[in-house]
Amino acid sequence: KNEQGYLFLTRNNTFITSGNFCDKWKRILRKINKYMPQGEETNITPHYFRHNYATDLIYAGVSPKTVQYIMGHEKADITMNVYADIRVNNKDVIDQILKYNNKSIQNL
């Protein structure tokens, strides 16, 4: 942050307007899509990174109340229901399911 409290500024040390940001984001998307396979171009938004960050915090074991605070939500259920995505291909989740299934099979 600078002395005005802004996190991101232009090269001229002025506040980034929504127009500046949109232009920058379009350039970022063009660069990303340049390396994507034909027909698989993305149109992700910056909000994707917010979802991903919240999900990473949850999977890292950060408490839902802490994630709620970081995300600026009034209630933790907003964070958990909207931002904490389910990752079924996560190795830990798969290991937990396999471990549970093995215990269940052994109890038959």
PDB file of N, CA and C in Angstrom:
ATOM      1  N   LYS A   1       0.834  -1.194   0.000  1.00  0.00           N
ATOM      2  CA  LYS A   1       0.000   0.000   0.000  1.00  0.00           C
ATOM      3  C   LYS A   1       0.872   1.248   0.000  1.00  0.00           C
ATOM      4  N   ASN A   2       0.341   2.277  -0.610  1.00  0.00           N
ATOM      5  CA  ASN A   2       1.051   3.550  -0.571  1.00  0.00           C
ATOM      6  C   ASN A   2       0.451   4.427   0.523  1.00  0.00           C
ATOM      7  N   GLU A   3       0.892   5.669   0.578  1.00  0.00           N
ATOM      8  CA  GLU A   3       0.423   6.540   1.658  1.00  0.00           C
ATOM      9  C   GLU A   3      -1.075   6.853   1.591  1.00  0.00           C
ATOM     10  N   GLN A   4      -1.700   6.733   0.418  1.00  0.00           N
ATOM     11  CA  GLN A   4      -3.144   6.954   0.323  1.00  0.00           C
ATOM     12  C   GLN A   4      -3.936   5.691   0.682  1.00  0.00           C
ATOM     13  N   GLY A   5      -3.251   4.580   0.873  1.00  0.00           N
ATOM     14  CA  GLY A   5      -3.925   3.344   1.216  1.00  0.00           C
ATOM     15  C   GLY A   5      -4.315   2.488   0.028  1.00  0.00           C
ATOM     16  N   TYR A   6      -3.927   2.888  -1.196  1.00  0.00           N
ATOM     17  CA  TYR A   6      -4.268   2.107  -2.375  1.00  0.00           C
ATOM     18  C   TYR A   6      -3.269   0.970  -2.560  1.00  0.00           C
ATOM     19  N   LEU A   7      -3.777  -0.168  -2.954  1.00  0.00           N
ATOM     20  CA  LEU A   7      -2.921  -1.320  -3.181  1.00  0.00           C
ATOM     21  C   LEU A   7      -2.321  -1.294  -4.579  1.00  0.00           C
ATOM     22  N   PHE A   8      -3.133  -0.932  -5.565  1.00  0.00           N
ATOM     23  CA  PHE A   8      -2.678  -0.901  -6.954  1.00  0.00           C
ATOM     24  C   PHE A   8      -2.827   0.508  -7.521  1.00  0.00           C
ATOM     25  N   LEU A   9      -1.760   0.960  -8.151  1.00  0.00           N
ATOM     26  CA  LEU A   9      -1.754   2.283  -8.771  1.00  0.00           C
ATOM     27  C   LEU A   9      -1.270   2.161 -10.210  1.00  0.00           C
ATOM     28  N   THR A  10      -1.539   3.186 -11.008  1.00  0.00           N
ATOM     29  CA  THR A  10      -1.029   3.225 -12.370  1.00  0.00           C
ATOM     30  C   THR A  10       0.458   3.553 -12.330  1.00  0.00           C
ATOM     31  N   ARG A  11       1.083   3.527 -13.493  1.00  0.00           N
ATOM     32  CA  ARG A  11       2.505   3.894 -13.568  1.00  0.00           C
ATOM     33  C   ARG A  11       2.737   5.343 -13.162  1.00  0.00           C
ATOM     34  N   ASN A  12       1.700   6.162 -13.291  1.00  0.00           N
ATOM     35  CA  ASN A  12       1.798   7.583 -12.916  1.00  0.00           C
ATOM     36  C   ASN A  12       1.466   7.809 -11.454  1.00  0.00           C
ATOM     37  N   ASN A  13       1.340   6.713 -10.690  1.00  0.00           N
ATOM     38  CA  ASN A  13       1.051   6.781  -9.259  1.00  0.00           C
ATOM     39  C   ASN A  13      -0.328   7.387  -8.971  1.00  0.00           C
ATOM     40  N   THR A  14      -1.297   7.102  -9.860  1.00  0.00           N
ATOM     41  CA  THR A  14      -2.675   7.536  -9.647  1.00  0.00           C
ATOM     42  C   THR A  14      -3.551   6.305  -9.442  1.00  0.00           C
ATOM     43  N   PHE A  15      -4.721   6.523  -8.873  1.00  0.00           N
ATOM     44  CA  PHE A  15      -5.657   5.441  -8.597  1.00  0.00           C
ATOM     45  C   PHE A  15      -6.112   4.784  -9.899  1.00  0.00           C
ATOM     46  N   ILE A  16      -6.193   3.472  -9.908  1.00  0.00           N
ATOM     47  CA  ILE A  16      -6.658   2.734 -11.083  1.00  0.00           C
ATOM     48  C   ILE A  16      -8.175   2.838 -11.153  1.00  0.00           C
ATOM     49  N   THR A  17      -8.675   3.362 -12.257  1.00  0.00           N
ATOM     50  CA  THR A  17     -10.121   3.452 -12.447  1.00  0.00           C
ATOM     51  C   THR A  17     -10.643   2.118 -12.956  1.00  0.00           C
ATOM     52  N   SER A  18     -11.954   1.938 -12.947  1.00  0.00           N
ATOM     53  CA  SER A  18     -12.527   0.694 -13.457  1.00  0.00           C
ATOM     54  C   SER A  18     -12.197   0.528 -14.939  1.00  0.00           C
ATOM     55  N   GLY A  19     -12.147   1.623 -15.668  1.00  0.00           N
ATOM     56  CA  GLY A  19     -11.767   1.554 -17.085  1.00  0.00           C
ATOM     57  C   GLY A  19     -10.336   1.077 -17.260  1.00  0.00           C
ATOM     58  N   ASN A  20      -9.401   1.619 -16.437  1.00  0.00           N
ATOM     59  CA  ASN A  20      -8.008   1.165 -16.473  1.00  0.00           C
ATOM     60  C   ASN A  20      -7.930  -0.325 -16.198  1.00  0.00           C
ATOM     61  N   PHE A  21      -8.663  -0.734 -15.171  1.00  0.00           N
ATOM     62  CA  PHE A  21      -8.618  -2.137 -14.762  1.00  0.00           C
ATOM     63  C   PHE A  21      -9.157  -3.045 -15.862  1.00  0.00           C
ATOM     64  N   CYS A  22     -10.296  -2.669 -16.452  1.00  0.00           N
ATOM     65  CA  CYS A  22     -10.894  -3.479 -17.528  1.00  0.00           C
ATOM     66  C   CYS A  22      -9.937  -3.617 -18.702  1.00  0.00           C
ATOM     67  N   ASP A  23      -9.279  -2.529 -19.067  1.00  0.00           N
ATOM     68  CA  ASP A  23      -8.308  -2.577 -20.169  1.00  0.00           C
ATOM     69  C   ASP A  23      -7.156  -3.516 -19.833  1.00  0.00           C
ATOM     70  N   LYS A  24      -6.641  -3.398 -18.610  1.00  0.00           N
ATOM     71  CA  LYS A  24      -5.547  -4.276 -18.191  1.00  0.00           C
ATOM     72  C   LYS A  24      -5.987  -5.739 -18.190  1.00  0.00           C
ATOM     73  N   TRP A  25      -7.199  -5.998 -17.691  1.00  0.00           N
ATOM     74  CA  TRP A  25      -7.685  -7.373 -17.624  1.00  0.00           C
ATOM     75  C   TRP A  25      -7.856  -7.963 -19.025  1.00  0.00           C
ATOM     76  N   LYS A  26      -8.325  -7.162 -19.971  1.00  0.00           N
ATOM     77  CA  LYS A  26      -8.466  -7.639 -21.358  1.00  0.00           C
ATOM     78  C   LYS A  26      -7.113  -8.020 -21.934  1.00  0.00           C
ATOM     79  N   ARG A  27      -6.085  -7.231 -21.630  1.00  0.00           N
ATOM     80  CA  ARG A  27      -4.733  -7.552 -22.110  1.00  0.00           C
ATOM     81  C   ARG A  27      -4.240  -8.844 -21.469  1.00  0.00           C
ATOM     82  N   ILE A  28      -4.529  -9.035 -20.189  1.00  0.00           N
ATOM     83  CA  ILE A  28      -4.130 -10.270 -19.504  1.00  0.00           C
ATOM     84  C   ILE A  28      -4.815 -11.470 -20.150  1.00  0.00           C
ATOM     85  N   LEU A  29      -6.123 -11.363 -20.403  1.00  0.00           N
ATOM     86  CA  LEU A  29      -6.856 -12.463 -21.038  1.00  0.00           C
ATOM     87  C   LEU A  29      -6.306 -12.785 -22.426  1.00  0.00           C
ATOM     88  N   ARG A  30      -5.968 -11.750 -23.196  1.00  0.00           N
ATOM     89  CA  ARG A  30      -5.395 -12.001 -24.520  1.00  0.00           C
ATOM     90  C   ARG A  30      -4.092 -12.786 -24.404  1.00  0.00           C
ATOM     91  N   LYS A  31      -3.266 -12.437 -23.418  1.00  0.00           N
ATOM     92  CA  LYS A  31      -1.993 -13.153 -23.226  1.00  0.00           C
ATOM     93  C   LYS A  31      -2.241 -14.591 -22.789  1.00  0.00           C
ATOM     94  N   ILE A  32      -3.195 -14.798 -21.873  1.00  0.00           N
ATOM     95  CA  ILE A  32      -3.519 -16.155 -21.427  1.00  0.00           C
ATOM     96  C   ILE A  32      -4.027 -16.976 -22.607  1.00  0.00           C
ATOM     97  N   ASN A  33      -4.967 -16.422 -23.354  1.00  0.00           N
ATOM     98  CA  ASN A  33      -5.595 -17.161 -24.455  1.00  0.00           C
ATOM     99  C   ASN A  33      -4.644 -17.439 -25.609  1.00  0.00           C
ATOM    100  N   LYS A  34      -3.584 -16.665 -25.699  1.00  0.00           N
ATOM    101  CA  LYS A  34      -2.558 -16.894 -26.713  1.00  0.00           C
ATOM    102  C   LYS A  34      -1.927 -18.280 -26.551  1.00  0.00           C
ATOM    103  N   TYR A  35      -1.899 -18.777 -25.309  1.00  0.00           N
ATOM    104  CA  TYR A  35      -1.273 -20.065 -25.025  1.00  0.00           C
ATOM    105  C   TYR A  35      -2.290 -21.197 -24.808  1.00  0.00           C
ATOM    106  N   MET A  36      -3.574 -20.882 -24.943  1.00  0.00           N
ATOM    107  CA  MET A  36      -4.614 -21.897 -24.787  1.00  0.00           C
ATOM    108  C   MET A  36      -4.813 -22.626 -26.110  1.00  0.00           C
ATOM    109  N   PRO A  37      -5.181 -23.920 -26.043  1.00  0.00           N
ATOM    110  CA  PRO A  37      -5.484 -24.641 -27.289  1.00  0.00           C
ATOM    111  C   PRO A  37      -6.654 -23.986 -28.020  1.00  0.00           C
ATOM    112  N   GLN A  38      -6.635 -24.094 -29.337  1.00  0.00           N
ATOM    113  CA  GLN A  38      -7.710 -23.529 -30.168  1.00  0.00           C
ATOM    114  C   GLN A  38      -9.066 -24.061 -29.715  1.00  0.00           C
ATOM    115  N   GLY A  39     -10.010 -23.174 -29.485  1.00  0.00           N
ATOM    116  CA  GLY A  39     -11.350 -23.567 -29.058  1.00  0.00           C
ATOM    117  C   GLY A  39     -11.499 -23.705 -27.548  1.00  0.00           C
ATOM    118  N   GLU A  40     -10.403 -23.559 -26.799  1.00  0.00           N
ATOM    119  CA  GLU A  40     -10.464 -23.681 -25.344  1.00  0.00           C
ATOM    120  C   GLU A  40     -10.088 -22.374 -24.644  1.00  0.00           C
ATOM    121  N   GLU A  41     -10.255 -21.271 -25.349  1.00  0.00           N
ATOM    122  CA  GLU A  41      -9.929 -19.981 -24.760  1.00  0.00           C
ATOM    123  C   GLU A  41     -10.806 -19.733 -23.534  1.00  0.00           C
ATOM    124  N   THR A  42     -10.270 -18.988 -22.597  1.00  0.00           N
ATOM    125  CA  THR A  42     -10.987 -18.722 -21.350  1.00  0.00           C
ATOM    126  C   THR A  42     -11.501 -17.289 -21.320  1.00  0.00           C
ATOM    127  N   ASN A  43     -12.498 -17.091 -20.533  1.00  0.00           N
ATOM    128  CA  ASN A  43     -13.017 -15.750 -20.305  1.00  0.00           C
ATOM    129  C   ASN A  43     -13.197 -15.552 -18.792  1.00  0.00           C
ATOM    130  N   ILE A  44     -12.209 -16.058 -18.026  1.00  0.00           N
ATOM    131  CA  ILE A  44     -12.312 -15.949 -16.572  1.00  0.00           C
ATOM    132  C   ILE A  44     -12.317 -14.490 -16.155  1.00  0.00           C
ATOM    133  N   THR A  45     -12.879 -14.261 -14.997  1.00  0.00           N
ATOM    134  CA  THR A  45     -12.930 -12.910 -14.452  1.00  0.00           C
ATOM    135  C   THR A  45     -12.007 -12.828 -13.251  1.00  0.00           C
ATOM    136  N   PRO A  46     -11.667 -11.633 -12.817  1.00  0.00           N
ATOM    137  CA  PRO A  46     -10.841 -11.501 -11.615  1.00  0.00           C
ATOM    138  C   PRO A  46     -11.504 -12.133 -10.392  1.00  0.00           C
ATOM    139  N   HIS A  47     -12.823 -12.224 -10.418  1.00  0.00           N
ATOM    140  CA  HIS A  47     -13.550 -12.805  -9.288  1.00  0.00           C
ATOM    141  C   HIS A  47     -13.208 -14.282  -9.110  1.00  0.00           C
ATOM    142  N   TYR A  48     -12.792 -14.938 -10.187  1.00  0.00           N
ATOM    143  CA  TYR A  48     -12.352 -16.332 -10.112  1.00  0.00           C
ATOM    144  C   TYR A  48     -11.250 -16.484  -9.066  1.00  0.00           C
ATOM    145  N   PHE A  49     -10.335 -15.543  -9.039  1.00  0.00           N
ATOM    146  CA  PHE A  49      -9.210 -15.622  -8.113  1.00  0.00           C
ATOM    147  C   PHE A  49      -9.673 -15.466  -6.663  1.00  0.00           C
ATOM    148  N   ARG A  50     -10.727 -14.725  -6.440  1.00  0.00           N
ATOM    149  CA  ARG A  50     -11.304 -14.592  -5.101  1.00  0.00           C
ATOM    150  C   ARG A  50     -11.865 -15.938  -4.642  1.00  0.00           C
ATOM    151  N   HIS A  51     -12.614 -16.598  -5.527  1.00  0.00           N
ATOM    152  CA  HIS A  51     -13.139 -17.930  -5.213  1.00  0.00           C
ATOM    153  C   HIS A  51     -11.996 -18.900  -4.921  1.00  0.00           C
ATOM    154  N   ASN A  52     -11.000 -18.883  -5.796  1.00  0.00           N
ATOM    155  CA  ASN A  52      -9.883 -19.809  -5.656  1.00  0.00           C
ATOM    156  C   ASN A  52      -9.125 -19.566  -4.353  1.00  0.00           C
ATOM    157  N   TYR A  53      -8.912 -18.308  -4.005  1.00  0.00           N
ATOM    158  CA  TYR A  53      -8.198 -17.956  -2.778  1.00  0.00           C
ATOM    159  C   TYR A  53      -8.962 -18.449  -1.547  1.00  0.00           C
ATOM    160  N   ALA A  54     -10.268 -18.205  -1.524  1.00  0.00           N
ATOM    161  CA  ALA A  54     -11.078 -18.664  -0.388  1.00  0.00           C
ATOM    162  C   ALA A  54     -11.044 -20.183  -0.282  1.00  0.00           C
ATOM    163  N   THR A  55     -11.150 -20.858  -1.413  1.00  0.00           N
ATOM    164  CA  THR A  55     -11.109 -22.324  -1.413  1.00  0.00           C
ATOM    165  C   THR A  55      -9.758 -22.820  -0.922  1.00  0.00           C
ATOM    166  N   ASP A  56      -8.680 -22.210  -1.392  1.00  0.00           N
ATOM    167  CA  ASP A  56      -7.338 -22.605  -0.936  1.00  0.00           C
ATOM    168  C   ASP A  56      -7.182 -22.413   0.570  1.00  0.00           C
ATOM    169  N   LEU A  57      -7.717 -21.320   1.102  1.00  0.00           N
ATOM    170  CA  LEU A  57      -7.638 -21.089   2.544  1.00  0.00           C
ATOM    171  C   LEU A  57      -8.366 -22.195   3.310  1.00  0.00           C
ATOM    172  N   ILE A  58      -9.564 -22.550   2.845  1.00  0.00           N
ATOM    173  CA  ILE A  58     -10.339 -23.611   3.501  1.00  0.00           C
ATOM    174  C   ILE A  58      -9.567 -24.921   3.460  1.00  0.00           C
ATOM    175  N   TYR A  59      -9.050 -25.304   2.286  1.00  0.00           N
ATOM    176  CA  TYR A  59      -8.313 -26.567   2.159  1.00  0.00           C
ATOM    177  C   TYR A  59      -6.982 -26.544   2.901  1.00  0.00           C
ATOM    178  N   ALA A  60      -6.458 -25.353   3.171  1.00  0.00           N
ATOM    179  CA  ALA A  60      -5.212 -25.247   3.951  1.00  0.00           C
ATOM    180  C   ALA A  60      -5.480 -25.371   5.435  1.00  0.00           C
ATOM    181  N   GLY A  61      -6.762 -25.432   5.813  1.00  0.00           N
ATOM    182  CA  GLY A  61      -7.104 -25.611   7.220  1.00  0.00           C
ATOM    183  C   GLY A  61      -7.366 -24.325   7.971  1.00  0.00           C
ATOM    184  N   VAL A  62      -7.447 -23.201   7.264  1.00  0.00           N
ATOM    185  CA  VAL A  62      -7.760 -21.938   7.922  1.00  0.00           C
ATOM    186  C   VAL A  62      -9.223 -21.998   8.365  1.00  0.00           C
ATOM    187  N   SER A  63      -9.505 -21.565   9.567  1.00  0.00           N
ATOM    188  CA  SER A  63     -10.862 -21.674  10.101  1.00  0.00           C
ATOM    189  C   SER A  63     -11.841 -20.849   9.274  1.00  0.00           C
ATOM    190  N   PRO A  64     -13.072 -21.327   9.139  1.00  0.00           N
ATOM    191  CA  PRO A  64     -14.077 -20.575   8.384  1.00  0.00           C
ATOM    192  C   PRO A  64     -14.278 -19.147   8.897  1.00  0.00           C
ATOM    193  N   LYS A  65     -14.192 -18.938  10.209  1.00  0.00           N
ATOM    194  CA  LYS A  65     -14.347 -17.582  10.753  1.00  0.00           C
ATOM    195  C   LYS A  65     -13.206 -16.668  10.287  1.00  0.00           C
ATOM    196  N   THR A  66     -12.005 -17.209  10.206  1.00  0.00           N
ATOM    197  CA  THR A  66     -10.868 -16.419   9.731  1.00  0.00           C
ATOM    198  C   THR A  66     -11.030 -16.100   8.248  1.00  0.00           C
ATOM    199  N   VAL A  67     -11.445 -17.096   7.472  1.00  0.00           N
ATOM    200  CA  VAL A  67     -11.666 -16.869   6.041  1.00  0.00           C
ATOM    201  C   VAL A  67     -12.781 -15.840   5.855  1.00  0.00           C
ATOM    202  N   GLN A  68     -13.819 -15.929   6.669  1.00  0.00           N
ATOM    203  CA  GLN A  68     -14.916 -14.946   6.623  1.00  0.00           C
ATOM    204  C   GLN A  68     -14.356 -13.546   6.810  1.00  0.00           C
ATOM    205  N   TYR A  69     -13.487 -13.372   7.796  1.00  0.00           N
ATOM    206  CA  TYR A  69     -12.900 -12.058   8.083  1.00  0.00           C
ATOM    207  C   TYR A  69     -12.060 -11.573   6.901  1.00  0.00           C
ATOM    208  N   ILE A  70     -11.218 -12.456   6.384  1.00  0.00           N
ATOM    209  CA  ILE A  70     -10.339 -12.084   5.266  1.00  0.00           C
ATOM    210  C   ILE A  70     -11.158 -11.679   4.047  1.00  0.00           C
ATOM    211  N   MET A  71     -12.245 -12.418   3.788  1.00  0.00           N
ATOM    212  CA  MET A  71     -13.071 -12.150   2.609  1.00  0.00           C
ATOM    213  C   MET A  71     -14.000 -10.959   2.818  1.00  0.00           C
ATOM    214  N   GLY A  72     -14.166 -10.535   4.068  1.00  0.00           N
ATOM    215  CA  GLY A  72     -15.006  -9.381   4.351  1.00  0.00           C
ATOM    216  C   GLY A  72     -16.490  -9.681   4.379  1.00  0.00           C
ATOM    217  N   HIS A  73     -16.834 -10.930   4.696  1.00  0.00           N
ATOM    218  CA  HIS A  73     -18.246 -11.314   4.739  1.00  0.00           C
ATOM    219  C   HIS A  73     -18.841 -11.088   6.122  1.00  0.00           C
ATOM    220  N   GLU A  74     -20.136 -10.827   6.136  1.00  0.00           N
ATOM    221  CA  GLU A  74     -20.844 -10.622   7.397  1.00  0.00           C
ATOM    222  C   GLU A  74     -20.990 -11.936   8.165  1.00  0.00           C
ATOM    223  N   LYS A  75     -21.197 -13.034   7.437  1.00  0.00           N
ATOM    224  CA  LYS A  75     -21.417 -14.336   8.069  1.00  0.00           C
ATOM    225  C   LYS A  75     -20.535 -15.391   7.416  1.00  0.00           C
ATOM    226  N   ALA A  76     -20.089 -16.360   8.227  1.00  0.00           N
ATOM    227  CA  ALA A  76     -19.224 -17.423   7.711  1.00  0.00           C
ATOM    228  C   ALA A  76     -19.956 -18.318   6.725  1.00  0.00           C
ATOM    229  N   ASP A  77     -21.284 -18.453   6.852  1.00  0.00           N
ATOM    230  CA  ASP A  77     -21.997 -19.331   5.926  1.00  0.00           C
ATOM    231  C   ASP A  77     -21.962 -18.789   4.503  1.00  0.00           C
ATOM    232  N   ILE A  78     -21.852 -17.481   4.339  1.00  0.00           N
ATOM    233  CA  ILE A  78     -21.686 -16.911   2.994  1.00  0.00           C
ATOM    234  C   ILE A  78     -20.371 -17.411   2.405  1.00  0.00           C
ATOM    235  N   THR A  79     -19.332 -17.328   3.196  1.00  0.00           N
ATOM    236  CA  THR A  79     -18.008 -17.773   2.750  1.00  0.00           C
ATOM    237  C   THR A  79     -18.043 -19.244   2.378  1.00  0.00           C
ATOM    238  N   MET A  80     -18.600 -20.057   3.250  1.00  0.00           N
ATOM    239  CA  MET A  80     -18.585 -21.503   3.030  1.00  0.00           C
ATOM    240  C   MET A  80     -19.509 -21.919   1.884  1.00  0.00           C
ATOM    241  N   ASN A  81     -20.668 -21.291   1.761  1.00  0.00           N
ATOM    242  CA  ASN A  81     -21.625 -21.704   0.738  1.00  0.00           C
ATOM    243  C   ASN A  81     -21.336 -21.133  -0.644  1.00  0.00           C
ATOM    244  N   VAL A  82     -20.706 -19.977  -0.696  1.00  0.00           N
ATOM    245  CA  VAL A  82     -20.499 -19.318  -1.981  1.00  0.00           C
ATOM    246  C   VAL A  82     -19.062 -19.438  -2.470  1.00  0.00           C
ATOM    247  N   TYR A  83     -18.110 -19.300  -1.586  1.00  0.00           N
ATOM    248  CA  TYR A  83     -16.721 -19.200  -2.021  1.00  0.00           C
ATOM    249  C   TYR A  83     -15.873 -20.448  -1.825  1.00  0.00           C
ATOM    250  N   ALA A  84     -16.250 -21.334  -0.951  1.00  0.00           N
ATOM    251  CA  ALA A  84     -15.445 -22.536  -0.713  1.00  0.00           C
ATOM    252  C   ALA A  84     -15.908 -23.626  -1.669  1.00  0.00           C
ATOM    253  N   ASP A  85     -15.293 -23.689  -2.821  1.00  0.00           N
ATOM    254  CA  ASP A  85     -15.663 -24.665  -3.840  1.00  0.00           C
ATOM    255  C   ASP A  85     -15.274 -26.074  -3.404  1.00  0.00           C
ATOM    256  N   ILE A  86     -16.010 -27.043  -3.923  1.00  0.00           N
ATOM    257  CA  ILE A  86     -15.709 -28.449  -3.647  1.00  0.00           C
ATOM    258  C   ILE A  86     -14.692 -28.920  -4.668  1.00  0.00           C
ATOM    259  N   ARG A  87     -13.675 -29.601  -4.198  1.00  0.00           N
ATOM    260  CA  ARG A  87     -12.646 -30.130  -5.089  1.00  0.00           C
ATOM    261  C   ARG A  87     -12.627 -31.649  -4.943  1.00  0.00           C
ATOM    262  N   VAL A  88     -13.374 -32.312  -5.779  1.00  0.00           N
ATOM    263  CA  VAL A  88     -13.456 -33.768  -5.664  1.00  0.00           C
ATOM    264  C   VAL A  88     -12.205 -34.457  -6.170  1.00  0.00           C
ATOM    265  N   ASN A  89     -11.364 -33.779  -6.913  1.00  0.00           N
ATOM    266  CA  ASN A  89     -10.135 -34.399  -7.381  1.00  0.00           C
ATOM    267  C   ASN A  89      -8.959 -34.110  -6.448  1.00  0.00           C
ATOM    268  N   ASN A  90      -9.230 -33.468  -5.325  1.00  0.00           N
ATOM    269  CA  ASN A  90      -8.199 -33.187  -4.340  1.00  0.00           C
ATOM    270  C   ASN A  90      -7.703 -34.506  -3.752  1.00  0.00           C
ATOM    271  N   LYS A  91      -6.391 -34.725  -3.728  1.00  0.00           N
ATOM    272  CA  LYS A  91      -5.819 -35.986  -3.262  1.00  0.00           C
ATOM    273  C   LYS A  91      -6.261 -36.315  -1.842  1.00  0.00           C
ATOM    274  N   ASP A  92      -6.315 -35.331  -0.959  1.00  0.00           N
ATOM    275  CA  ASP A  92      -6.736 -35.588   0.420  1.00  0.00           C
ATOM    276  C   ASP A  92      -8.170 -36.087   0.481  1.00  0.00           C
ATOM    277  N   VAL A  93      -9.035 -35.506  -0.349  1.00  0.00           N
ATOM    278  CA  VAL A  93     -10.435 -35.933  -0.370  1.00  0.00           C
ATOM    279  C   VAL A  93     -10.527 -37.360  -0.883  1.00  0.00           C
ATOM    280  N   ILE A  94      -9.807 -37.648  -1.948  1.00  0.00           N
ATOM    281  CA  ILE A  94      -9.813 -39.007  -2.501  1.00  0.00           C
ATOM    282  C   ILE A  94      -9.278 -39.991  -1.478  1.00  0.00           C
ATOM    283  N   ASP A  95      -8.183 -39.643  -0.793  1.00  0.00           N
ATOM    284  CA  ASP A  95      -7.629 -40.520   0.241  1.00  0.00           C
ATOM    285  C   ASP A  95      -8.628 -40.768   1.364  1.00  0.00           C
ATOM    286  N   GLN A  96      -9.354 -39.718   1.765  1.00  0.00           N
ATOM    287  CA  GLN A  96     -10.358 -39.877   2.822  1.00  0.00           C
ATOM    288  C   GLN A  96     -11.472 -40.821   2.384  1.00  0.00           C
ATOM    289  N   ILE A  97     -11.927 -40.667   1.149  1.00  0.00           N
ATOM    290  CA  ILE A  97     -12.988 -41.537   0.633  1.00  0.00           C
ATOM    291  C   ILE A  97     -12.503 -42.980   0.554  1.00  0.00           C
ATOM    292  N   LEU A  98     -11.303 -43.183   0.045  1.00  0.00           N
ATOM    293  CA  LEU A  98     -10.759 -44.541  -0.049  1.00  0.00           C
ATOM    294  C   LEU A  98     -10.577 -45.169   1.328  1.00  0.00           C
ATOM    295  N   LYS A  99     -10.088 -44.378   2.272  1.00  0.00           N
ATOM    296  CA  LYS A  99      -9.907 -44.867   3.642  1.00  0.00           C
ATOM    297  C   LYS A  99     -11.250 -45.264   4.244  1.00  0.00           C
ATOM    298  N   TYR A 100     -12.261 -44.440   4.053  1.00  0.00           N
ATOM    299  CA  TYR A 100     -13.607 -44.745   4.561  1.00  0.00           C
ATOM    300  C   TYR A 100     -14.154 -46.002   3.906  1.00  0.00           C
ATOM    301  N   ASN A 101     -14.002 -46.095   2.592  1.00  0.00           N
ATOM    302  CA  ASN A 101     -14.504 -47.272   1.875  1.00  0.00           C
ATOM    303  C   ASN A 101     -13.810 -48.545   2.329  1.00  0.00           C
ATOM    304  N   ASN A 102     -12.508 -48.488   2.560  1.00  0.00           N
ATOM    305  CA  ASN A 102     -11.780 -49.669   3.026  1.00  0.00           C
ATOM    306  C   ASN A 102     -12.259 -50.095   4.405  1.00  0.00           C
ATOM    307  N   LYS A 103     -12.510 -49.138   5.294  1.00  0.00           N
ATOM    308  CA  LYS A 103     -13.043 -49.468   6.624  1.00  0.00           C
ATOM    309  C   LYS A 103     -14.409 -50.090   6.500  1.00  0.00           C
ATOM    310  N   SER A 104     -15.253 -49.534   5.607  1.00  0.00           N
ATOM    311  CA  SER A 104     -16.611 -50.044   5.433  1.00  0.00           C
ATOM    312  C   SER A 104     -16.589 -51.459   4.893  1.00  0.00           C
ATOM    313  N   ILE A 105     -15.705 -51.728   3.940  1.00  0.00           N
ATOM    314  CA  ILE A 105     -15.609 -53.066   3.349  1.00  0.00           C
ATOM    315  C   ILE A 105     -15.135 -54.075   4.399  1.00  0.00           C
ATOM    316  N   GLN A 106     -14.196 -53.681   5.252  1.00  0.00           N
ATOM    317  CA  GLN A 106     -13.667 -54.571   6.270  1.00  0.00           C
ATOM    318  C   GLN A 106     -14.729 -54.903   7.319  1.00  0.00           C
ATOM    319  N   ASN A 107     -15.704 -54.034   7.503  1.00  0.00           N
ATOM    320  CA  ASN A 107     -16.763 -54.262   8.499  1.00  0.00           C
ATOM    321  C   ASN A 107     -17.885 -55.149   7.971  1.00  0.00           C
ATOM    322  N   LEU A 108     -17.845 -55.551   6.713  1.00  0.00           N
ATOM    323  CA  LEU A 108     -18.911 -56.400   6.157  1.00  0.00           C
ATOM    324  C   LEU A 108     -18.791 -57.833   6.629  1.00  0.00           C
TER     325      LEU A 108
END
